[in-house]
Amino acid sequence: MTLDRFAPAVFVFLWSTGWVVAKFAALHSEPFAFLSIRYALSALAFLAFCLVTEAQWPRSRVTVLRAIYSGFFLHGFYLAGLWWAIANGVPAGISGIIAALQPLLTAMAAPFLIGERLQKTQQVGLALGFIGIAIAISPKLFDPATADLAHATVPLAINLIAMGSVTYGTLYQKKHLQSGDLRTIAMLQYVGALILTLPLSLIFEHQHFDGTAQAYGALLWSVFGLSMGGVGLLLYLIRRGQVSRAASLIYLMPPAVALEALIAFGERLTLPLIVGTVIVVTGVYMTNRRVVQQAQASG
């Protein structure tokens, strides 16, 4: 089918626009306020979707709480940290490269959480990934125009912590939410994310949202393009058994974000950014290619 052929690529494109939307939204709203509105609308949209499609609701309170808890990390801590970092000066292109750390961090955490030992190829891939990140962000850290180094390092550190959050959330979901209807689980996860970001907005922000057409456009795309469209395509890929194809295209995420940031905001494709992107993509490929080969050999 045509949709089967293009769904993975469309999914990656939708996901990659999240970093550009984050920087664009920062021009019109405070990050936690924007995310709170987005999560509330996403939860309502998924609720309507679940009711229309007669999705199965969790039968136990434990599953409900686990879904909400996972949403704290998969959406709440993750995007709160990422959007705050971008709003405080991390370029969307660099943040997109940092996003490639997720599979690397997952591979690094696997030996401790599920007892998987890293192969030599994976270890080299992990090392390359972190080297690539260091090269890509080096201009940001050592820019002479940056009077205070902490001005650059703190947002970058928060961005990295956000990657750790989504890594933990992914592993938690794999361990505790293997069964159940993904549609209702997704809705509950957005509730969990809202429980986190709304207090952050009320405590640390002034709930600024300028209400311009651009702000509402970014909000609509975040809800329906990212939260609904991206997750909906992911559910479709899971049902059609094409998750591996989508995962392989994730390697194109950093260059896609860099190009989109160039077009949307004029973020320059510097030599360190290009070299760092290539090294990170190579490292992620090496780390996950070994995992795929092992899975095929054991199947």
C-alpha atoms as a PDB file:
ATOM      1  CA  MET A   1       0.000   0.000   0.000  1.00  0.00           C
ATOM      2  CA  THR A   2       1.081   3.595  -0.645  1.00  0.00           C
ATOM      3  CA  LEU A   3       0.575   4.542   3.006  1.00  0.00           C
ATOM      4  CA  ASP A   4       2.708   1.609   4.115  1.00  0.00           C
ATOM      5  CA  ARG A   5       5.533   2.849   1.910  1.00  0.00           C
ATOM      6  CA  PHE A   6       5.518   6.474   3.002  1.00  0.00           C
ATOM      7  CA  ALA A   7       4.253   6.283   6.609  1.00  0.00           C
ATOM      8  CA  PRO A   8       7.711   5.889   8.242  1.00  0.00           C
ATOM      9  CA  ALA A   9       9.147   8.869   6.364  1.00  0.00           C
ATOM     10  CA  VAL A  10       6.080  11.007   7.137  1.00  0.00           C
ATOM     11  CA  PHE A  11       6.366  10.029  10.801  1.00  0.00           C
ATOM     12  CA  VAL A  12      10.002  11.158  10.979  1.00  0.00           C
ATOM     13  CA  PHE A  13       9.165  14.418   9.185  1.00  0.00           C
ATOM     14  CA  LEU A  14       6.344  15.181  11.634  1.00  0.00           C
ATOM     15  CA  TRP A  15       8.569  14.377  14.612  1.00  0.00           C
ATOM     16  CA  SER A  16      11.454  16.503  13.309  1.00  0.00           C
ATOM     17  CA  THR A  17       9.254  19.612  13.114  1.00  0.00           C
ATOM     18  CA  GLY A  18       8.859  19.512  16.900  1.00  0.00           C
ATOM     19  CA  TRP A  19      12.177  21.320  17.431  1.00  0.00           C
ATOM     20  CA  VAL A  20      11.302  24.073  14.951  1.00  0.00           C
ATOM     21  CA  VAL A  21       7.853  24.489  16.536  1.00  0.00           C
ATOM     22  CA  ALA A  22       9.500  24.758  19.968  1.00  0.00           C
ATOM     23  CA  LYS A  23      11.681  27.672  18.865  1.00  0.00           C
ATOM     24  CA  PHE A  24       8.820  29.319  16.984  1.00  0.00           C
ATOM     25  CA  ALA A  25       6.457  28.980  19.956  1.00  0.00           C
ATOM     26  CA  ALA A  26       9.077  30.575  22.233  1.00  0.00           C
ATOM     27  CA  LEU A  27       8.533  33.809  20.301  1.00  0.00           C
ATOM     28  CA  HIS A  28       4.863  33.885  21.315  1.00  0.00           C
ATOM     29  CA  SER A  29       4.550  32.067  24.627  1.00  0.00           C
ATOM     30  CA  GLU A  30       6.383  30.895  27.703  1.00  0.00           C
ATOM     31  CA  PRO A  31       7.395  27.236  27.276  1.00  0.00           C
ATOM     32  CA  PHE A  32       5.565  25.686  30.249  1.00  0.00           C
ATOM     33  CA  ALA A  33       2.386  27.667  29.536  1.00  0.00           C
ATOM     34  CA  PHE A  34       2.396  26.581  25.897  1.00  0.00           C
ATOM     35  CA  LEU A  35       3.017  22.951  26.800  1.00  0.00           C
ATOM     36  CA  SER A  36       0.240  23.001  29.412  1.00  0.00           C
ATOM     37  CA  ILE A  37      -2.263  24.193  26.806  1.00  0.00           C
ATOM     38  CA  ARG A  38      -0.932  21.654  24.310  1.00  0.00           C
ATOM     39  CA  TYR A  39      -1.179  18.738  26.737  1.00  0.00           C
ATOM     40  CA  ALA A  40      -4.687  19.667  27.842  1.00  0.00           C
ATOM     41  CA  LEU A  41      -5.904  19.875  24.234  1.00  0.00           C
ATOM     42  CA  SER A  42      -4.007  16.699  23.282  1.00  0.00           C
ATOM     43  CA  ALA A  43      -5.587  14.780  26.160  1.00  0.00           C
ATOM     44  CA  LEU A  44      -9.051  15.983  25.105  1.00  0.00           C
ATOM     45  CA  ALA A  45      -8.364  15.155  21.451  1.00  0.00           C
ATOM     46  CA  PHE A  46      -7.181  11.653  22.362  1.00  0.00           C
ATOM     47  CA  LEU A  47     -10.180  11.223  24.666  1.00  0.00           C
ATOM     48  CA  ALA A  48     -12.513  12.012  21.774  1.00  0.00           C
ATOM     49  CA  PHE A  49     -10.516   9.680  19.525  1.00  0.00           C
ATOM     50  CA  CYS A  50     -10.743   6.883  22.104  1.00  0.00           C
ATOM     51  CA  LEU A  51     -14.517   7.331  22.456  1.00  0.00           C
ATOM     52  CA  VAL A  52     -15.136   7.409  18.706  1.00  0.00           C
ATOM     53  CA  THR A  53     -12.961   4.364  18.010  1.00  0.00           C
ATOM     54  CA  GLU A  54     -14.232   2.514  21.122  1.00  0.00           C
ATOM     55  CA  ALA A  55     -10.762   2.026  22.541  1.00  0.00           C
ATOM     56  CA  GLN A  56     -10.302  -0.321  25.479  1.00  0.00           C
ATOM     57  CA  TRP A  57      -9.671   1.386  28.800  1.00  0.00           C
ATOM     58  CA  PRO A  58      -7.254  -0.041  31.390  1.00  0.00           C
ATOM     59  CA  ARG A  59      -8.971  -2.472  33.735  1.00  0.00           C
ATOM     60  CA  SER A  60      -6.724  -1.875  36.734  1.00  0.00           C
ATOM     61  CA  ARG A  61      -5.819   1.218  38.700  1.00  0.00           C
ATOM     62  CA  VAL A  62      -2.159   0.175  38.576  1.00  0.00           C
ATOM     63  CA  THR A  63      -2.101   0.404  34.775  1.00  0.00           C
ATOM     64  CA  VAL A  64      -3.729   3.842  34.882  1.00  0.00           C
ATOM     65  CA  LEU A  65      -1.162   5.110  37.376  1.00  0.00           C
ATOM     66  CA  ARG A  66       1.695   3.607  35.384  1.00  0.00           C
ATOM     67  CA  ALA A  67       0.487   5.295  32.199  1.00  0.00           C
ATOM     68  CA  ILE A  68       0.223   8.654  33.977  1.00  0.00           C
ATOM     69  CA  TYR A  69       3.644   8.158  35.571  1.00  0.00           C
ATOM     70  CA  SER A  70       5.259   7.316  32.241  1.00  0.00           C
ATOM     71  CA  GLY A  71       3.721  10.479  30.787  1.00  0.00           C
ATOM     72  CA  PHE A  72       5.643  12.497  33.385  1.00  0.00           C
ATOM     73  CA  PHE A  73       8.868  11.471  31.653  1.00  0.00           C
ATOM     74  CA  LEU A  74       7.941  10.705  28.024  1.00  0.00           C
ATOM     75  CA  HIS A  75       6.173  14.037  27.500  1.00  0.00           C
ATOM     76  CA  GLY A  76       6.361  16.076  30.708  1.00  0.00           C
ATOM     77  CA  PHE A  77       9.987  16.232  31.841  1.00  0.00           C
ATOM     78  CA  TYR A  78      11.216  15.574  28.302  1.00  0.00           C
ATOM     79  CA  LEU A  79       9.498  18.397  26.433  1.00  0.00           C
ATOM     80  CA  ALA A  80       9.539  20.763  29.410  1.00  0.00           C
ATOM     81  CA  GLY A  81      13.333  20.526  29.512  1.00  0.00           C
ATOM     82  CA  LEU A  82      13.742  20.601  25.746  1.00  0.00           C
ATOM     83  CA  TRP A  83      11.417  23.583  25.184  1.00  0.00           C
ATOM     84  CA  TRP A  84      12.919  25.509  28.106  1.00  0.00           C
ATOM     85  CA  ALA A  85      16.407  24.928  26.708  1.00  0.00           C
ATOM     86  CA  ILE A  86      15.414  26.145  23.245  1.00  0.00           C
ATOM     87  CA  ALA A  87      13.615  29.166  24.719  1.00  0.00           C
ATOM     88  CA  ASN A  88      16.834  29.989  26.585  1.00  0.00           C
ATOM     89  CA  GLY A  89      19.164  29.945  23.631  1.00  0.00           C
ATOM     90  CA  VAL A  90      19.881  26.379  22.508  1.00  0.00           C
ATOM     91  CA  PRO A  91      19.607  26.386  18.688  1.00  0.00           C
ATOM     92  CA  ALA A  92      16.976  24.029  17.309  1.00  0.00           C
ATOM     93  CA  GLY A  93      19.598  22.341  15.115  1.00  0.00           C
ATOM     94  CA  ILE A  94      21.858  21.519  18.065  1.00  0.00           C
ATOM     95  CA  SER A  95      18.889  20.355  20.137  1.00  0.00           C
ATOM     96  CA  GLY A  96      17.940  18.040  17.284  1.00  0.00           C
ATOM     97  CA  ILE A  97      21.414  16.513  17.346  1.00  0.00           C
ATOM     98  CA  ILE A  98      21.200  16.038  21.113  1.00  0.00           C
ATOM     99  CA  ALA A  99      17.935  14.166  20.492  1.00  0.00           C
ATOM    100  CA  ALA A 100      19.983  11.493  18.737  1.00  0.00           C
ATOM    101  CA  LEU A 101      21.409  10.646  22.155  1.00  0.00           C
ATOM    102  CA  GLN A 102      18.187   8.861  23.122  1.00  0.00           C
ATOM    103  CA  PRO A 103      18.997   5.500  21.493  1.00  0.00           C
ATOM    104  CA  LEU A 104      22.577   5.847  22.704  1.00  0.00           C
ATOM    105  CA  LEU A 105      21.448   6.464  26.289  1.00  0.00           C
ATOM    106  CA  THR A 106      18.998   3.571  26.002  1.00  0.00           C
ATOM    107  CA  ALA A 107      21.791   1.231  24.921  1.00  0.00           C
ATOM    108  CA  MET A 108      23.962   2.541  27.754  1.00  0.00           C
ATOM    109  CA  ALA A 109      21.243   2.004  30.372  1.00  0.00           C
ATOM    110  CA  ALA A 110      20.236  -1.451  29.110  1.00  0.00           C
ATOM    111  CA  PRO A 111      23.079  -3.354  30.867  1.00  0.00           C
ATOM    112  CA  PHE A 112      21.972  -1.949  34.229  1.00  0.00           C
ATOM    113  CA  LEU A 113      18.198  -2.197  33.755  1.00  0.00           C
ATOM    114  CA  ILE A 114      17.679  -5.353  31.686  1.00  0.00           C
ATOM    115  CA  GLY A 115      21.075  -7.058  31.839  1.00  0.00           C
ATOM    116  CA  GLU A 116      22.149  -6.612  28.208  1.00  0.00           C
ATOM    117  CA  ARG A 117      25.909  -6.403  27.679  1.00  0.00           C
ATOM    118  CA  LEU A 118      27.267  -3.970  25.135  1.00  0.00           C
ATOM    119  CA  GLN A 119      29.206  -5.427  22.218  1.00  0.00           C
ATOM    120  CA  LYS A 120      32.401  -3.802  20.940  1.00  0.00           C
ATOM    121  CA  THR A 121      30.567  -2.260  18.012  1.00  0.00           C
ATOM    122  CA  GLN A 122      28.026  -0.724  20.369  1.00  0.00           C
ATOM    123  CA  GLN A 123      30.747   0.665  22.622  1.00  0.00           C
ATOM    124  CA  VAL A 124      32.422   2.332  19.646  1.00  0.00           C
ATOM    125  CA  GLY A 125      29.053   3.681  18.528  1.00  0.00           C
ATOM    126  CA  LEU A 126      28.391   5.174  21.968  1.00  0.00           C
ATOM    127  CA  ALA A 127      31.808   6.837  22.002  1.00  0.00           C
ATOM    128  CA  LEU A 128      31.286   8.274  18.514  1.00  0.00           C
ATOM    129  CA  GLY A 129      27.864   9.604  19.498  1.00  0.00           C
ATOM    130  CA  PHE A 130      29.185  11.594  22.439  1.00  0.00           C
ATOM    131  CA  ILE A 131      32.185  12.815  20.448  1.00  0.00           C
ATOM    132  CA  GLY A 132      29.823  14.047  17.757  1.00  0.00           C
ATOM    133  CA  ILE A 133      27.696  15.908  20.317  1.00  0.00           C
ATOM    134  CA  ALA A 134      30.813  17.567  21.766  1.00  0.00           C
ATOM    135  CA  ILE A 135      31.921  18.728  18.308  1.00  0.00           C
ATOM    136  CA  ALA A 136      28.454  20.003  17.382  1.00  0.00           C
ATOM    137  CA  ILE A 137      27.957  22.079  20.538  1.00  0.00           C
ATOM    138  CA  SER A 138      31.551  23.347  20.798  1.00  0.00           C
ATOM    139  CA  PRO A 139      30.851  26.659  18.996  1.00  0.00           C
ATOM    140  CA  LYS A 140      28.008  27.328  21.432  1.00  0.00           C
ATOM    141  CA  LEU A 141      30.212  26.674  24.458  1.00  0.00           C
ATOM    142  CA  PHE A 142      33.229  28.650  23.287  1.00  0.00           C
ATOM    143  CA  ASP A 143      31.542  31.536  21.489  1.00  0.00           C
ATOM    144  CA  PRO A 144      33.511  34.704  22.431  1.00  0.00           C
ATOM    145  CA  ALA A 145      30.234  36.610  22.425  1.00  0.00           C
ATOM    146  CA  THR A 146      29.058  34.522  25.351  1.00  0.00           C
ATOM    147  CA  ALA A 147      30.239  36.476  28.365  1.00  0.00           C
ATOM    148  CA  ASP A 148      28.972  33.942  30.889  1.00  0.00           C
ATOM    149  CA  LEU A 149      29.752  30.317  30.101  1.00  0.00           C
ATOM    150  CA  ALA A 150      26.881  29.203  32.348  1.00  0.00           C
ATOM    151  CA  HIS A 151      24.519  31.002  29.976  1.00  0.00           C
ATOM    152  CA  ALA A 152      25.367  28.329  27.408  1.00  0.00           C
ATOM    153  CA  THR A 153      26.058  25.318  29.602  1.00  0.00           C
ATOM    154  CA  VAL A 154      22.919  25.400  31.755  1.00  0.00           C
ATOM    155  CA  PRO A 155      20.401  25.230  28.859  1.00  0.00           C
ATOM    156  CA  LEU A 156      22.538  22.563  27.155  1.00  0.00           C
ATOM    157  CA  ALA A 157      22.660  20.568  30.399  1.00  0.00           C
ATOM    158  CA  ILE A 158      18.875  20.820  30.766  1.00  0.00           C
ATOM    159  CA  ASN A 159      18.502  19.634  27.164  1.00  0.00           C
ATOM    160  CA  LEU A 160      20.699  16.621  27.948  1.00  0.00           C
ATOM    161  CA  ILE A 161      18.716  15.860  31.122  1.00  0.00           C
ATOM    162  CA  ALA A 162      15.553  15.923  29.004  1.00  0.00           C
ATOM    163  CA  MET A 163      17.047  13.201  26.817  1.00  0.00           C
ATOM    164  CA  GLY A 164      17.706  11.159  29.939  1.00  0.00           C
ATOM    165  CA  SER A 165      14.079  11.641  30.956  1.00  0.00           C
ATOM    166  CA  VAL A 166      12.608  10.340  27.707  1.00  0.00           C
ATOM    167  CA  THR A 167      15.072   7.442  27.791  1.00  0.00           C
ATOM    168  CA  TYR A 168      13.868   6.449  31.254  1.00  0.00           C
ATOM    169  CA  GLY A 169      10.246   6.878  30.188  1.00  0.00           C
ATOM    170  CA  THR A 170      10.778   4.659  27.158  1.00  0.00           C
ATOM    171  CA  LEU A 171      12.389   1.883  29.201  1.00  0.00           C
ATOM    172  CA  TYR A 172       9.676   2.172  31.861  1.00  0.00           C
ATOM    173  CA  GLN A 173       6.930   1.843  29.262  1.00  0.00           C
ATOM    174  CA  LYS A 174       8.628  -1.189  27.685  1.00  0.00           C
ATOM    175  CA  LYS A 175       8.852  -2.835  31.089  1.00  0.00           C
ATOM    176  CA  HIS A 176       5.460  -1.969  32.595  1.00  0.00           C
ATOM    177  CA  LEU A 177       3.100  -1.104  29.716  1.00  0.00           C
ATOM    178  CA  GLN A 178       3.654  -3.911  27.236  1.00  0.00           C
ATOM    179  CA  SER A 179      -0.062  -4.705  27.096  1.00  0.00           C
ATOM    180  CA  GLY A 180      -3.142  -2.523  26.853  1.00  0.00           C
ATOM    181  CA  ASP A 181      -4.667  -0.225  24.262  1.00  0.00           C
ATOM    182  CA  LEU A 182      -2.066   2.312  23.147  1.00  0.00           C
ATOM    183  CA  ARG A 183      -4.755   4.897  22.390  1.00  0.00           C
ATOM    184  CA  THR A 184      -5.994   5.128  25.975  1.00  0.00           C
ATOM    185  CA  ILE A 185      -2.463   4.837  27.338  1.00  0.00           C
ATOM    186  CA  ALA A 186      -1.429   7.794  25.162  1.00  0.00           C
ATOM    187  CA  MET A 187      -4.342   9.856  26.499  1.00  0.00           C
ATOM    188  CA  LEU A 188      -3.390   9.093  30.107  1.00  0.00           C
ATOM    189  CA  GLN A 189       0.235   9.956  29.371  1.00  0.00           C
ATOM    190  CA  TYR A 190      -0.778  13.448  28.284  1.00  0.00           C
ATOM    191  CA  VAL A 191      -2.708  13.789  31.543  1.00  0.00           C
ATOM    192  CA  GLY A 192       0.488  12.887  33.381  1.00  0.00           C
ATOM    193  CA  ALA A 193       2.453  15.453  31.380  1.00  0.00           C
ATOM    194  CA  LEU A 194      -0.135  18.134  32.188  1.00  0.00           C
ATOM    195  CA  ILE A 195       0.088  17.341  35.899  1.00  0.00           C
ATOM    196  CA  LEU A 196       3.781  18.237  35.670  1.00  0.00           C
ATOM    197  CA  THR A 197       3.849  21.274  33.372  1.00  0.00           C
ATOM    198  CA  LEU A 198       0.829  23.147  34.747  1.00  0.00           C
ATOM    199  CA  PRO A 199       2.352  23.652  38.231  1.00  0.00           C
ATOM    200  CA  LEU A 200       5.675  24.638  36.606  1.00  0.00           C
ATOM    201  CA  SER A 201       3.856  27.301  34.596  1.00  0.00           C
ATOM    202  CA  LEU A 202       1.903  28.590  37.602  1.00  0.00           C
ATOM    203  CA  ILE A 203       5.000  28.756  39.817  1.00  0.00           C
ATOM    204  CA  PHE A 204       7.710  30.009  37.458  1.00  0.00           C
ATOM    205  CA  GLU A 205       5.876  31.814  34.657  1.00  0.00           C
ATOM    206  CA  HIS A 206       3.240  34.449  34.026  1.00  0.00           C
ATOM    207  CA  GLN A 207       1.180  32.202  31.682  1.00  0.00           C
ATOM    208  CA  HIS A 208       2.066  34.388  28.744  1.00  0.00           C
ATOM    209  CA  PHE A 209       0.439  33.388  25.438  1.00  0.00           C
ATOM    210  CA  ASP A 210       0.086  36.307  23.039  1.00  0.00           C
ATOM    211  CA  GLY A 211      -2.903  34.862  21.170  1.00  0.00           C
ATOM    212  CA  THR A 212      -1.619  35.794  17.714  1.00  0.00           C
ATOM    213  CA  ALA A 213      -2.391  33.775  14.600  1.00  0.00           C
ATOM    214  CA  GLN A 214       1.174  32.484  14.657  1.00  0.00           C
ATOM    215  CA  ALA A 215       0.802  31.290  18.258  1.00  0.00           C
ATOM    216  CA  TYR A 216      -2.445  29.475  17.499  1.00  0.00           C
ATOM    217  CA  GLY A 217      -0.905  27.999  14.362  1.00  0.00           C
ATOM    218  CA  ALA A 218       1.988  26.589  16.373  1.00  0.00           C
ATOM    219  CA  LEU A 219      -0.474  25.259  18.950  1.00  0.00           C
ATOM    220  CA  LEU A 220      -2.689  23.567  16.360  1.00  0.00           C
ATOM    221  CA  TRP A 221       0.313  21.954  14.686  1.00  0.00           C
ATOM    222  CA  SER A 222       1.629  20.795  18.082  1.00  0.00           C
ATOM    223  CA  VAL A 223      -1.685  19.165  18.979  1.00  0.00           C
ATOM    224  CA  PHE A 224      -2.811  17.701  15.659  1.00  0.00           C
ATOM    225  CA  GLY A 225       0.449  17.447  13.697  1.00  0.00           C
ATOM    226  CA  LEU A 226       2.699  16.223  16.506  1.00  0.00           C
ATOM    227  CA  SER A 227       0.600  14.836  19.360  1.00  0.00           C
ATOM    228  CA  MET A 228      -2.145  13.337  17.203  1.00  0.00           C
ATOM    229  CA  GLY A 229      -0.517  12.906  13.784  1.00  0.00           C
ATOM    230  CA  GLY A 230       2.870  11.693  14.979  1.00  0.00           C
ATOM    231  CA  VAL A 231       1.488   9.370  17.642  1.00  0.00           C
ATOM    232  CA  GLY A 232      -1.294   8.202  15.316  1.00  0.00           C
ATOM    233  CA  LEU A 233       1.235   7.245  12.655  1.00  0.00           C
ATOM    234  CA  LEU A 234       3.322   5.487  15.285  1.00  0.00           C
ATOM    235  CA  LEU A 235       0.285   3.409  16.287  1.00  0.00           C
ATOM    236  CA  TYR A 236      -0.303   2.596  12.618  1.00  0.00           C
ATOM    237  CA  LEU A 237       3.331   1.536  12.160  1.00  0.00           C
ATOM    238  CA  ILE A 238       3.136  -0.693  15.212  1.00  0.00           C
ATOM    239  CA  ARG A 239      -0.036  -2.340  13.902  1.00  0.00           C
ATOM    240  CA  ARG A 240       1.512  -2.851  10.450  1.00  0.00           C
ATOM    241  CA  GLY A 241       4.780  -4.163  11.904  1.00  0.00           C
ATOM    242  CA  GLN A 242       6.935  -1.419  10.417  1.00  0.00           C
ATOM    243  CA  VAL A 243       8.499  -0.047  13.579  1.00  0.00           C
ATOM    244  CA  SER A 244      11.967  -1.119  12.422  1.00  0.00           C
ATOM    245  CA  ARG A 245      11.626   0.967   9.251  1.00  0.00           C
ATOM    246  CA  ALA A 246      10.646   4.013  11.275  1.00  0.00           C
ATOM    247  CA  ALA A 247      13.513   3.408  13.704  1.00  0.00           C
ATOM    248  CA  SER A 248      16.024   3.276  10.865  1.00  0.00           C
ATOM    249  CA  LEU A 249      14.784   6.635   9.571  1.00  0.00           C
ATOM    250  CA  ILE A 250      15.302   8.200  13.013  1.00  0.00           C
ATOM    251  CA  TYR A 251      18.955   8.461  11.970  1.00  0.00           C
ATOM    252  CA  LEU A 252      17.837  11.211   9.575  1.00  0.00           C
ATOM    253  CA  MET A 253      16.289  13.275  12.398  1.00  0.00           C
ATOM    254  CA  PRO A 254      19.310  15.486  13.249  1.00  0.00           C
ATOM    255  CA  PRO A 255      20.033  16.576   9.655  1.00  0.00           C
ATOM    256  CA  ALA A 256      16.298  17.068   9.054  1.00  0.00           C
ATOM    257  CA  VAL A 257      16.021  19.366  12.084  1.00  0.00           C
ATOM    258  CA  ALA A 258      19.171  21.259  11.049  1.00  0.00           C
ATOM    259  CA  LEU A 259      17.778  21.887   7.560  1.00  0.00           C
ATOM    260  CA  GLU A 260      14.372  22.941   8.904  1.00  0.00           C
ATOM    261  CA  ALA A 261      16.048  25.342  11.359  1.00  0.00           C
ATOM    262  CA  LEU A 262      18.078  26.788   8.483  1.00  0.00           C
ATOM    263  CA  ILE A 263      14.934  27.423   6.435  1.00  0.00           C
ATOM    264  CA  ALA A 264      12.769  28.674   9.304  1.00  0.00           C
ATOM    265  CA  PHE A 265      15.247  30.701  11.377  1.00  0.00           C
ATOM    266  CA  GLY A 266      18.406  31.012   9.324  1.00  0.00           C
ATOM    267  CA  GLU A 267      20.464  28.907  11.756  1.00  0.00           C
ATOM    268  CA  ARG A 268      23.755  28.449   9.943  1.00  0.00           C
ATOM    269  CA  LEU A 269      25.005  24.986   9.025  1.00  0.00           C
ATOM    270  CA  THR A 270      28.467  25.451  10.505  1.00  0.00           C
ATOM    271  CA  LEU A 271      31.264  22.961   9.900  1.00  0.00           C
ATOM    272  CA  PRO A 272      31.191  21.656  13.530  1.00  0.00           C
ATOM    273  CA  LEU A 273      27.416  21.193  13.244  1.00  0.00           C
ATOM    274  CA  ILE A 274      27.737  19.233   9.994  1.00  0.00           C
ATOM    275  CA  VAL A 275      30.677  17.113  11.206  1.00  0.00           C
ATOM    276  CA  GLY A 276      29.009  16.497  14.570  1.00  0.00           C
ATOM    277  CA  THR A 277      25.776  15.435  12.882  1.00  0.00           C
ATOM    278  CA  VAL A 278      27.574  12.914  10.665  1.00  0.00           C
ATOM    279  CA  ILE A 279      29.468  11.441  13.625  1.00  0.00           C
ATOM    280  CA  VAL A 280      26.343  11.206  15.802  1.00  0.00           C
ATOM    281  CA  VAL A 281      24.319   9.534  13.042  1.00  0.00           C
ATOM    282  CA  THR A 282      27.181   7.064  12.478  1.00  0.00           C
ATOM    283  CA  GLY A 283      27.403   6.304  16.186  1.00  0.00           C
ATOM    284  CA  VAL A 284      23.655   5.745  16.544  1.00  0.00           C
ATOM    285  CA  TYR A 285      23.663   3.497  13.466  1.00  0.00           C
ATOM    286  CA  MET A 286      26.533   1.381  14.793  1.00  0.00           C
ATOM    287  CA  THR A 287      24.918   1.047  18.230  1.00  0.00           C
ATOM    288  CA  ASN A 288      21.519  -0.022  16.927  1.00  0.00           C
ATOM    289  CA  ARG A 289      22.678  -2.015  13.902  1.00  0.00           C
ATOM    290  CA  ARG A 290      24.323  -4.500  16.236  1.00  0.00           C
ATOM    291  CA  VAL A 291      21.091  -4.810  18.216  1.00  0.00           C
ATOM    292  CA  VAL A 292      19.103  -5.479  15.056  1.00  0.00           C
ATOM    293  CA  GLN A 293      21.567  -8.127  13.891  1.00  0.00           C
ATOM    294  CA  GLN A 294      21.385  -9.912  17.253  1.00  0.00           C
ATOM    295  CA  ALA A 295      17.588  -9.850  17.172  1.00  0.00           C
ATOM    296  CA  GLN A 296      17.556 -11.344  13.680  1.00  0.00           C
ATOM    297  CA  ALA A 297      20.076 -14.032  14.638  1.00  0.00           C
ATOM    298  CA  SER A 298      18.027 -15.083  17.656  1.00  0.00           C
ATOM    299  CA  GLY A 299      14.732 -15.071  15.760  1.00  0.00           C
END
